Amino acid sequence: MKTKKAYINTFGCQMNVYDTHRMENMLAAAGYATTDSFWRADLVIVNTCAIREKAVQKVYSFLGRICGIKRHKPGIILAVTGCVAQQQSQWLAERFAGVDLILGTHAVTRLVPYLEQLGPENRPIIDVAMRTEIDPPADDVAEKIENADISSFVTIMRGCDNFCTYCVVPYVRGRETSREPSRIHAEVEALVRAGAREVTLLGQNVNSYGKKEALCGFPELLRQIHDIEGLLRIRFVTSHPKDLSDGLIDAFAKLPKLANHVHLPVQSGANRILSKMNRRYTRDHYMQRVAALREARPDIAISTDFIAGFPTETEADFEDTIDLIQKVRFDTLFAFEYSDRPEAPAARFNGKIDSLEKKHRLRKILDVQADVTADIYHNLVGSTQTVLVEGKSKKPRQDIVEMSGRSSENRIVNFVCASSGLEKETDLMEGQLVNVHIERACANSLWGRFVPDTAGLKPAAPLSMKGGKTNAA
């Protein structure tokens, strides 16, 4: 019997990547193998992101291509999942006649049953119902994990209660709901058994984990996961500045497995704009939290997000943002031009910034940060960094064996094997913590040479081979 093949094109955030992995595991149990080519696929899933207009346009473009292919290969099943599916289900069904299945953000776990129901008379099937439970009784995620990436994601909560004026998350993912700690712990254990060595805990605001449900707080959850044998590192995103607690800061001082990095989105350096965004903290509060983090871990790497050209942002407001970048000295940042999103309150604000001005401000943010990052990376030359090896470098050179991984600070490190004959042992490095002497700083990465460990390298568990494609928003 021919094995059915599935291709998943993933747009957007880590939560979408996590949902894609869940779908891959569910499909594997249903007899599907993943493929990296939609031409060979029997099932094509587009896992969508609605956070920015550019991401939505990419979704439309890809759907148009697949619908064109489907006219020549009508047997292909086309499914749309994620935030655009949640937000625009009826429009998608009308605009793209080839779509068979539209599942919102709460319906991913019902993918396989819907595939079994599909028939020529009932297409498309649409399910965008919002449900309160985040872990349905029949959905044991841990049991479906057969293999895992070295660095894997685990969703600990869904939705958001903050209602920032630029953001659609509360409307497409619903209100904040936390998973039971035991379910999270079991999933992390299963991932580690399947080859994961690092997990990133996902939530729109992990700092408020468990509060509504009277579960343990986020620092306690970190402590529970910290004790799992075989797990080498823990990361998390995203941490809202207004809720960054002393308890979480203390965890950085006391939990060695907690990575030396925190993503702390600030969005603007101007108090007036922060207020219009409904962020509910001030510039001074943000700076105080940064100072407390650096007191707990002096060398902690801090990354952030900025929005360029939010409605009514003046030149003075923008200069406050530039000043904040220079004062905090972020390790890296993600910045985007403001764009109106359906349902988000800021779409109705007056004082929209000209497109060319938004581009100018975005370019300046990126240029200023590039100088800061270059200085930070330059000062690391000559140091020895501990790297979790993820595999061979994506841009290998013919004359050397080059491996790649990330430091605890989430910096990409590419390195060569300096020991004679070690080329034969590079596969053993995957999933291991190794020391790398840094010899060169690049624009967005570090380069160095492996420092041999006299204790030797131990094989890691088998790693997964994933199909499909992931797109940044």
Protein backbone atom coordinates (compact mmCIF):
# COMPACT_ATOMS: atom_id res chain seq x y z
CA MET A 1 0.00 0.00 0.00
CA LYS A 2 1.35 3.41 -1.01
CA THR A 3 2.26 5.67 1.93
CA LYS A 4 0.48 9.01 1.78
CA LYS A 5 2.68 12.08 1.95
CA ALA A 6 2.06 15.40 3.68
CA TYR A 7 3.72 18.77 3.13
CA ILE A 8 3.31 21.52 5.74
CA ASN A 9 4.30 25.12 5.00
CA THR A 10 4.60 26.98 8.29
CA PHE A 11 4.44 30.76 8.56
CA GLY A 12 5.02 32.87 11.65
CA CYS A 13 5.91 32.30 15.27
CA GLN A 14 7.25 29.42 17.33
CA MET A 15 3.71 28.47 18.36
CA ASN A 16 2.95 27.73 14.73
CA VAL A 17 6.12 25.64 14.51
CA TYR A 18 4.95 23.75 17.60
CA ASP A 19 1.50 23.19 16.08
CA THR A 20 3.16 21.94 12.89
CA HIS A 21 5.15 19.36 14.85
CA ARG A 22 1.95 18.24 16.56
CA MET A 23 0.28 17.80 13.19
CA GLU A 24 3.29 15.86 11.87
CA ASN A 25 3.07 13.46 14.79
CA MET A 26 -0.69 13.02 14.40
CA LEU A 27 -0.33 12.44 10.67
CA ALA A 28 2.47 9.93 11.20
CA ALA A 29 0.15 7.90 13.43
CA ALA A 30 -2.47 8.07 10.65
CA GLY A 31 -0.08 6.69 8.03
CA TYR A 32 1.31 9.87 6.48
CA ALA A 33 5.00 10.51 5.84
CA THR A 34 6.27 14.08 5.61
CA THR A 35 7.82 15.34 2.39
CA ASP A 36 9.80 18.46 1.55
CA SER A 37 8.07 18.87 -1.82
CA PHE A 38 4.44 19.90 -2.26
CA TRP A 39 4.60 18.44 -5.79
CA ARG A 40 4.85 14.95 -4.28
CA ALA A 41 2.30 15.54 -1.52
CA ASP A 42 -1.15 14.00 -1.16
CA LEU A 43 -1.92 16.53 1.58
CA VAL A 44 -0.72 20.15 1.71
CA ILE A 45 -1.25 22.12 4.92
CA VAL A 46 -0.65 25.87 5.11
CA ASN A 47 -0.14 26.85 8.76
CA THR A 48 -0.74 30.59 8.74
CA CYS A 49 0.22 33.76 10.62
CA ALA A 50 -1.83 36.96 10.82
CA ILE A 51 0.43 39.09 12.97
CA ARG A 52 1.66 41.28 10.07
CA GLU A 53 0.34 42.10 6.61
CA LYS A 54 3.47 40.77 4.91
CA ALA A 55 2.93 37.31 6.43
CA VAL A 56 -0.70 37.27 5.28
CA GLN A 57 0.28 38.20 1.73
CA LYS A 58 2.77 35.32 1.68
CA VAL A 59 -0.05 32.97 2.68
CA TYR A 60 -2.30 34.23 -0.12
CA SER A 61 0.50 33.81 -2.66
CA PHE A 62 1.25 30.25 -1.60
CA LEU A 63 -2.42 29.26 -1.56
CA GLY A 64 -2.77 30.60 -5.10
CA ARG A 65 0.12 28.41 -6.26
CA ILE A 66 -1.29 25.27 -4.66
CA CYS A 67 -4.79 25.90 -6.02
CA GLY A 68 -3.19 26.21 -9.47
CA ILE A 69 -1.45 22.86 -9.03
CA LYS A 70 -4.66 21.30 -7.75
CA ARG A 71 -6.44 22.07 -11.01
CA HIS A 72 -4.05 19.60 -12.66
CA LYS A 73 -3.85 17.20 -9.67
CA PRO A 74 -7.35 17.30 -8.16
CA GLY A 75 -6.61 14.50 -5.71
CA ILE A 76 -4.46 16.76 -3.50
CA ILE A 77 -6.09 17.72 -0.20
CA LEU A 78 -5.47 21.36 0.75
CA ALA A 79 -5.88 22.43 4.37
CA VAL A 80 -5.41 25.88 5.94
CA THR A 81 -4.70 26.17 9.67
CA GLY A 82 -3.56 28.87 12.10
CA CYS A 83 -4.41 32.51 12.64
CA VAL A 84 -5.49 33.49 9.11
CA ALA A 85 -7.77 30.45 9.05
CA GLN A 86 -9.27 31.58 12.36
CA GLN A 87 -9.69 35.17 11.25
CA GLN A 88 -10.76 34.82 7.60
CA SER A 89 -12.31 31.35 7.24
CA GLN A 90 -15.30 32.31 5.09
CA TRP A 91 -13.27 34.63 2.87
CA LEU A 92 -10.64 31.90 2.31
CA ALA A 93 -13.36 29.40 1.35
CA GLU A 94 -14.80 31.86 -1.18
CA ARG A 95 -11.50 33.18 -2.56
CA PHE A 96 -9.62 29.86 -2.89
CA ALA A 97 -11.95 27.25 -4.36
CA GLY A 98 -9.39 24.47 -3.96
CA VAL A 99 -9.31 24.60 -0.16
CA ASP A 100 -10.77 21.44 1.43
CA LEU A 101 -10.29 22.05 5.14
CA ILE A 102 -10.05 25.23 7.25
CA LEU A 103 -9.09 24.78 10.91
CA GLY A 104 -8.75 27.62 13.39
CA THR A 105 -6.19 27.88 16.16
CA HIS A 106 -8.20 25.68 18.55
CA ALA A 107 -8.97 22.93 16.02
CA VAL A 108 -5.53 21.56 15.14
CA THR A 109 -6.01 18.43 17.27
CA ARG A 110 -9.01 17.44 15.13
CA LEU A 111 -7.06 17.39 11.86
CA VAL A 112 -7.02 13.62 11.31
CA PRO A 113 -10.75 13.01 12.07
CA TYR A 114 -11.66 15.76 9.61
CA LEU A 115 -9.41 14.25 6.93
CA GLU A 116 -11.30 10.98 7.36
CA GLN A 117 -14.62 12.81 6.91
CA LEU A 118 -13.69 14.59 3.69
CA GLY A 119 -15.82 13.74 0.69
CA PRO A 120 -16.70 15.53 -2.55
CA GLU A 121 -20.05 16.59 -1.17
CA ASN A 122 -18.91 18.28 2.05
CA ARG A 123 -15.96 20.48 1.09
CA PRO A 124 -14.74 22.67 2.53
CA ILE A 125 -15.00 21.65 6.18
CA ILE A 126 -14.59 24.70 8.45
CA ASP A 127 -13.96 24.60 12.20
CA VAL A 128 -13.00 27.87 13.87
CA ALA A 129 -14.81 27.31 17.17
CA MET A 130 -12.99 28.65 20.24
CA ARG A 131 -12.81 26.13 23.07
CA THR A 132 -11.84 26.74 26.67
CA GLU A 133 -9.85 23.55 27.25
CA ILE A 134 -6.27 23.61 26.01
CA ASP A 135 -5.69 19.85 26.53
CA PRO A 136 -8.76 17.83 25.50
CA PRO A 137 -8.93 14.52 27.45
CA ALA A 138 -8.33 12.47 24.31
CA ASP A 139 -5.32 14.53 23.21
CA ASP A 140 -2.22 13.10 24.88
CA VAL A 141 0.55 14.98 23.10
CA ALA A 142 3.33 13.04 24.84
CA GLU A 143 2.10 9.70 23.47
CA LYS A 144 2.34 10.98 19.88
CA ILE A 145 6.02 12.01 20.07
CA GLU A 146 8.20 9.47 18.27
CA ASN A 147 11.23 11.63 17.50
CA ALA A 148 12.22 15.19 18.26
CA ASP A 149 14.56 17.93 17.14
CA ILE A 150 17.53 18.71 19.38
CA SER A 151 15.90 22.05 20.14
CA SER A 152 12.14 21.55 20.52
CA PHE A 153 9.12 23.67 21.45
CA VAL A 154 6.47 23.06 24.11
CA THR A 155 3.39 25.26 24.42
CA ILE A 156 2.57 25.87 28.09
CA MET A 157 -0.36 28.25 27.56
CA ARG A 158 -2.55 29.63 24.80
CA GLY A 159 -4.08 33.02 24.08
CA CYS A 160 -3.59 36.42 25.67
CA ASP A 161 -5.47 38.77 28.01
CA ASN A 162 -3.36 41.88 27.45
CA PHE A 163 -5.07 43.38 24.38
CA CYS A 164 -2.18 45.51 23.13
CA THR A 165 -3.75 47.89 20.64
CA TYR A 166 -1.66 46.71 17.66
CA CYS A 167 -2.12 42.97 18.24
CA VAL A 168 -4.66 40.40 16.98
CA VAL A 169 -3.58 37.49 19.20
CA PRO A 170 -6.52 37.72 21.68
CA TYR A 171 -8.91 37.64 18.72
CA VAL A 172 -7.33 34.74 16.81
CA ARG A 173 -6.02 32.59 19.69
CA GLY A 174 -8.54 33.49 22.37
CA ARG A 175 -8.15 34.34 26.02
CA GLU A 176 -5.30 33.16 28.18
CA THR A 177 -5.44 29.49 29.19
CA SER A 178 -2.66 27.50 30.89
CA ARG A 179 -1.91 23.80 30.57
CA GLU A 180 -1.62 21.52 33.59
CA PRO A 181 1.99 21.29 34.83
CA SER A 182 1.84 17.48 34.75
CA ARG A 183 0.96 17.51 31.03
CA ILE A 184 3.81 19.89 30.28
CA HIS A 185 6.26 17.83 32.34
CA ALA A 186 5.21 14.62 30.58
CA GLU A 187 5.63 16.23 27.16
CA VAL A 188 9.12 17.52 27.96
CA GLU A 189 10.12 14.08 29.26
CA ALA A 190 8.80 12.47 26.06
CA LEU A 191 10.71 14.96 23.91
CA VAL A 192 13.94 14.26 25.79
CA ARG A 193 13.44 10.50 25.34
CA ALA A 194 12.94 11.18 21.63
CA GLY A 195 16.17 13.16 21.23
CA ALA A 196 15.52 16.72 22.43
CA ARG A 197 18.23 18.32 24.54
CA GLU A 198 16.79 21.82 24.73
CA VAL A 199 13.16 22.91 25.08
CA THR A 200 11.65 26.34 24.56
CA LEU A 201 8.49 26.92 26.58
CA LEU A 202 5.96 28.93 24.60
CA GLY A 203 3.27 31.37 25.68
CA GLN A 204 2.15 34.82 24.68
CA ASN A 205 2.99 35.89 28.24
CA VAL A 206 4.69 33.08 30.14
CA ASN A 207 4.99 35.33 33.20
CA SER A 208 1.27 34.96 33.87
CA TYR A 209 1.31 31.17 33.52
CA GLY A 210 -1.09 29.41 35.87
CA LYS A 211 -2.51 32.50 37.57
CA LYS A 212 -6.09 32.21 36.28
CA GLU A 213 -6.26 28.49 36.99
CA ALA A 214 -4.49 28.70 40.39
CA LEU A 215 -1.73 26.40 39.12
CA CYS A 216 1.90 26.71 40.12
CA GLY A 217 3.60 29.91 38.95
CA PHE A 218 6.02 30.07 36.06
CA PRO A 219 9.20 30.02 38.22
CA GLU A 220 7.96 26.82 39.92
CA LEU A 221 7.21 25.24 36.53
CA LEU A 222 10.77 26.01 35.47
CA ARG A 223 12.09 24.32 38.61
CA GLN A 224 10.02 21.19 37.92
CA ILE A 225 11.25 20.92 34.34
CA HIS A 226 14.82 21.71 35.38
CA ASP A 227 15.05 18.34 37.16
CA ILE A 228 14.30 16.23 34.05
CA GLU A 229 17.28 13.98 33.37
CA GLY A 230 18.84 14.37 29.94
CA LEU A 231 17.53 17.90 29.41
CA LEU A 232 20.45 20.29 28.94
CA ARG A 233 18.81 23.68 28.43
CA ILE A 234 15.53 25.50 28.99
CA ARG A 235 14.42 28.61 27.12
CA PHE A 236 11.13 30.47 27.04
CA VAL A 237 9.24 33.09 25.04
CA THR A 238 7.62 35.51 25.42
CA SER A 239 8.06 37.39 28.67
CA HIS A 240 5.89 40.50 29.10
CA PRO A 241 7.85 43.29 30.87
CA LYS A 242 4.92 44.33 33.09
CA ASP A 243 4.77 40.85 34.65
CA LEU A 244 8.47 40.01 34.89
CA SER A 245 8.60 38.95 38.54
CA ASP A 246 11.40 38.88 41.08
CA GLY A 247 10.81 35.12 41.30
CA LEU A 248 11.58 34.64 37.61
CA ILE A 249 14.65 36.86 37.85
CA ASP A 250 15.78 34.75 40.82
CA ALA A 251 15.39 31.62 38.67
CA PHE A 252 18.11 32.94 36.38
CA ALA A 253 20.44 33.08 39.36
CA LYS A 254 19.59 29.60 40.68
CA LEU A 255 18.75 27.31 37.72
CA PRO A 256 21.87 26.37 35.72
CA LYS A 257 19.88 24.79 32.87
CA LEU A 258 17.96 28.02 32.29
CA ALA A 259 19.60 29.57 29.22
CA ASN A 260 21.51 32.81 29.67
CA HIS A 261 19.07 34.70 27.45
CA VAL A 262 15.68 36.37 27.76
CA HIS A 263 13.45 37.81 25.07
CA LEU A 264 11.78 40.89 26.58
CA PRO A 265 9.75 42.80 23.95
CA VAL A 266 9.63 46.53 24.63
CA GLN A 267 8.06 47.77 21.32
CA SER A 268 8.91 51.45 21.91
CA GLY A 269 11.24 53.60 24.00
CA ALA A 270 8.68 56.40 24.43
CA ASN A 271 6.23 56.42 27.34
CA ARG A 272 3.52 58.13 25.30
CA ILE A 273 3.63 55.43 22.62
CA LEU A 274 3.79 52.64 25.21
CA SER A 275 0.59 54.05 26.69
CA LYS A 276 -1.14 54.17 23.28
CA MET A 277 -0.05 50.57 22.73
CA ASN A 278 -1.64 49.60 26.08
CA ARG A 279 1.60 47.96 27.20
CA ARG A 280 1.02 48.96 30.86
CA TYR A 281 4.63 49.65 31.80
CA THR A 282 6.90 52.64 31.44
CA ARG A 283 10.37 53.04 30.01
CA ASP A 284 11.76 53.37 33.55
CA HIS A 285 10.05 50.16 34.68
CA TYR A 286 11.55 48.33 31.72
CA MET A 287 15.03 49.64 32.51
CA GLN A 288 14.66 48.61 36.16
CA ARG A 289 13.75 45.04 35.14
CA VAL A 290 16.75 44.90 32.80
CA ALA A 291 19.02 46.06 35.63
CA ALA A 292 17.61 43.37 37.95
CA LEU A 293 18.18 40.67 35.31
CA ARG A 294 21.78 41.76 34.87
CA GLU A 295 22.33 41.76 38.61
CA ALA A 296 21.12 38.14 38.75
CA ARG A 297 23.18 37.15 35.69
CA PRO A 298 25.66 39.87 34.71
CA ASP A 299 26.35 38.44 31.23
CA ILE A 300 22.73 37.66 30.30
CA ALA A 301 21.81 38.32 26.67
CA ILE A 302 18.62 40.32 26.19
CA SER A 303 16.72 40.48 22.91
CA THR A 304 13.60 42.50 22.16
CA ASP A 305 10.97 43.64 19.63
CA PHE A 306 10.26 47.11 18.25
CA ILE A 307 7.47 48.52 16.09
CA ALA A 308 8.57 51.36 13.81
CA GLY A 309 6.07 54.07 12.96
CA PHE A 310 3.23 53.35 15.37
CA PRO A 311 0.35 55.85 14.82
CA THR A 312 1.21 59.38 16.07
CA GLU A 313 4.86 58.46 16.77
CA THR A 314 6.78 61.74 16.59
CA GLU A 315 10.44 62.20 15.80
CA ALA A 316 11.04 62.78 19.52
CA ASP A 317 9.26 59.52 20.37
CA PHE A 318 11.39 57.71 17.83
CA GLU A 319 14.60 59.20 19.23
CA ASP A 320 13.56 57.83 22.65
CA THR A 321 13.52 54.39 21.02
CA ILE A 322 17.00 54.87 19.57
CA ASP A 323 18.23 56.08 22.94
CA LEU A 324 16.80 52.98 24.65
CA ILE A 325 18.60 50.68 22.20
CA GLN A 326 21.88 52.40 22.93
CA LYS A 327 21.38 52.40 26.70
CA VAL A 328 20.18 48.79 27.13
CA ARG A 329 22.55 47.34 24.50
CA PHE A 330 20.36 44.48 23.39
CA ASP A 331 22.10 41.41 22.05
CA THR A 332 19.74 41.47 19.09
CA LEU A 333 16.29 42.72 18.20
CA PHE A 334 13.41 42.14 15.82
CA ALA A 335 11.83 45.26 14.35
CA PHE A 336 8.94 45.71 11.96
CA GLU A 337 7.02 48.53 10.34
CA TYR A 338 3.63 49.11 11.93
CA SER A 339 0.75 47.76 9.82
CA ASP A 340 -2.98 47.89 10.52
CA ARG A 341 -4.43 44.52 11.48
CA PRO A 342 -8.14 43.69 11.31
CA GLU A 343 -9.81 43.82 14.76
CA ALA A 344 -6.82 45.49 16.44
CA PRO A 345 -7.84 48.90 17.94
CA ALA A 346 -4.82 50.73 16.50
CA ALA A 347 -6.24 50.18 13.01
CA ARG A 348 -8.78 52.88 13.90
CA PHE A 349 -6.21 55.35 15.29
CA ASN A 350 -5.56 58.65 13.58
CA GLY A 351 -2.06 59.94 12.92
CA LYS A 352 -0.79 57.14 10.67
CA ILE A 353 2.86 57.49 9.71
CA ASP A 354 3.87 57.77 6.05
CA SER A 355 5.17 54.51 4.55
CA LEU A 356 8.52 55.99 3.54
CA GLU A 357 9.01 57.43 7.02
CA LYS A 358 8.24 54.04 8.59
CA LYS A 359 10.85 52.43 6.35
CA HIS A 360 13.38 55.11 7.29
CA ARG A 361 12.78 54.59 11.02
CA LEU A 362 12.96 50.81 10.68
CA ARG A 363 16.25 51.08 8.82
CA LYS A 364 17.72 53.32 11.53
CA ILE A 365 16.65 50.91 14.30
CA LEU A 366 18.32 48.03 12.48
CA ASP A 367 21.48 50.03 11.73
CA VAL A 368 21.90 51.21 15.32
CA GLN A 369 21.36 47.70 16.64
CA ALA A 370 23.82 46.27 14.08
CA ASP A 371 26.53 48.47 15.57
CA VAL A 372 25.67 47.32 19.11
CA THR A 373 25.63 43.65 18.11
CA ALA A 374 28.93 43.98 16.24
CA ASP A 375 30.56 45.44 19.34
CA ILE A 376 29.16 42.69 21.61
CA TYR A 377 30.27 39.94 19.21
CA HIS A 378 33.71 41.51 18.66
CA ASN A 379 34.32 41.43 22.42
CA LEU A 380 33.65 37.67 22.42
CA VAL A 381 36.59 36.94 20.12
CA GLY A 382 39.16 35.01 22.12
CA SER A 383 36.60 33.61 24.57
CA THR A 384 35.45 30.01 24.90
CA GLN A 385 31.71 29.44 24.48
CA THR A 386 29.65 26.37 25.43
CA VAL A 387 27.60 25.38 22.38
CA LEU A 388 24.70 22.96 22.02
CA VAL A 389 25.43 21.34 18.66
CA GLU A 390 22.45 21.14 16.31
CA GLY A 391 24.17 19.65 13.25
CA LYS A 392 26.42 20.47 10.35
CA SER A 393 26.66 24.09 9.20
CA LYS A 394 24.06 25.18 6.64
CA LYS A 395 26.83 26.65 4.48
CA PRO A 396 29.58 24.01 4.63
CA ARG A 397 33.00 24.57 3.09
CA GLN A 398 34.51 21.84 0.92
CA ASP A 399 37.82 21.59 2.69
CA ILE A 400 36.64 21.34 6.33
CA VAL A 401 33.92 19.81 8.48
CA GLU A 402 31.95 22.67 9.99
CA MET A 403 29.32 22.19 12.70
CA SER A 404 26.72 24.63 13.99
CA GLY A 405 24.87 25.26 17.23
CA ARG A 406 23.89 27.94 19.71
CA SER A 407 25.45 29.29 22.84
CA SER A 408 23.44 29.67 26.03
CA GLU A 409 22.95 33.31 24.99
CA ASN A 410 21.18 32.09 21.81
CA ARG A 411 24.03 33.17 19.56
CA ILE A 412 24.66 31.08 16.45
CA VAL A 413 28.14 29.55 16.56
CA ASN A 414 29.72 27.78 13.58
CA PHE A 415 32.92 25.90 14.25
CA VAL A 416 35.45 23.53 12.73
CA CYS A 417 36.83 20.38 14.28
CA ALA A 418 40.43 21.15 15.12
CA SER A 419 41.47 17.63 16.18
CA SER A 420 42.98 15.32 13.59
CA GLY A 421 40.58 12.54 12.64
CA LEU A 422 37.63 14.05 14.51
CA GLU A 423 35.73 14.40 11.23
CA LYS A 424 34.56 10.81 11.71
CA GLU A 425 33.04 11.70 15.08
CA THR A 426 31.06 14.79 14.13
CA ASP A 427 27.74 12.93 14.17
CA LEU A 428 28.36 12.21 17.86
CA MET A 429 28.49 15.93 18.51
CA GLU A 430 24.82 16.48 17.64
CA GLY A 431 22.85 17.08 20.82
CA GLN A 432 26.01 17.56 22.90
CA LEU A 433 27.38 20.56 24.76
CA VAL A 434 30.87 21.32 23.46
CA ASN A 435 33.39 24.08 24.02
CA VAL A 436 34.30 26.35 21.12
CA HIS A 437 37.14 28.88 21.04
CA ILE A 438 35.83 31.96 19.21
CA GLU A 439 38.18 33.25 16.51
CA ARG A 440 35.95 35.53 14.45
CA ALA A 441 32.80 37.62 14.82
CA CYS A 442 30.40 37.75 11.85
CA ALA A 443 27.36 39.99 11.39
CA ASN A 444 24.88 37.56 12.96
CA SER A 445 27.02 34.69 14.21
CA LEU A 446 30.32 33.65 15.73
CA TRP A 447 32.99 31.38 14.23
CA GLY A 448 35.53 29.28 16.04
CA ARG A 449 37.26 25.95 16.61
CA PHE A 450 36.20 22.96 18.67
CA VAL A 451 38.06 22.54 21.97
CA PRO A 452 38.36 18.77 22.62
CA ASP A 453 36.94 17.41 25.85
CA THR A 454 39.04 14.66 27.40
CA ALA A 455 35.84 12.96 28.58
CA GLY A 456 34.88 12.33 24.94
CA LEU A 457 31.53 12.54 23.20
CA LYS A 458 28.52 10.31 23.84
CA PRO A 459 25.91 9.53 21.18
CA ALA A 460 22.65 11.45 21.46
CA ALA A 461 19.24 9.89 20.83
CA PRO A 462 18.09 9.64 17.18
CA LEU A 463 16.92 12.90 15.64
CA SER A 464 13.86 13.59 13.55
CA MET A 465 13.87 14.34 9.84
CA LYS A 466 11.11 16.85 9.25
CA GLY A 467 9.41 17.68 5.95
CA GLY A 468 7.77 20.89 4.86
CA LYS A 469 8.97 24.43 5.20
CA THR A 470 9.05 27.09 7.87
CA ASN A 471 8.73 30.78 7.03
CA ALA A 472 9.47 33.75 9.25
CA ALA A 473 6.66 36.26 9.33
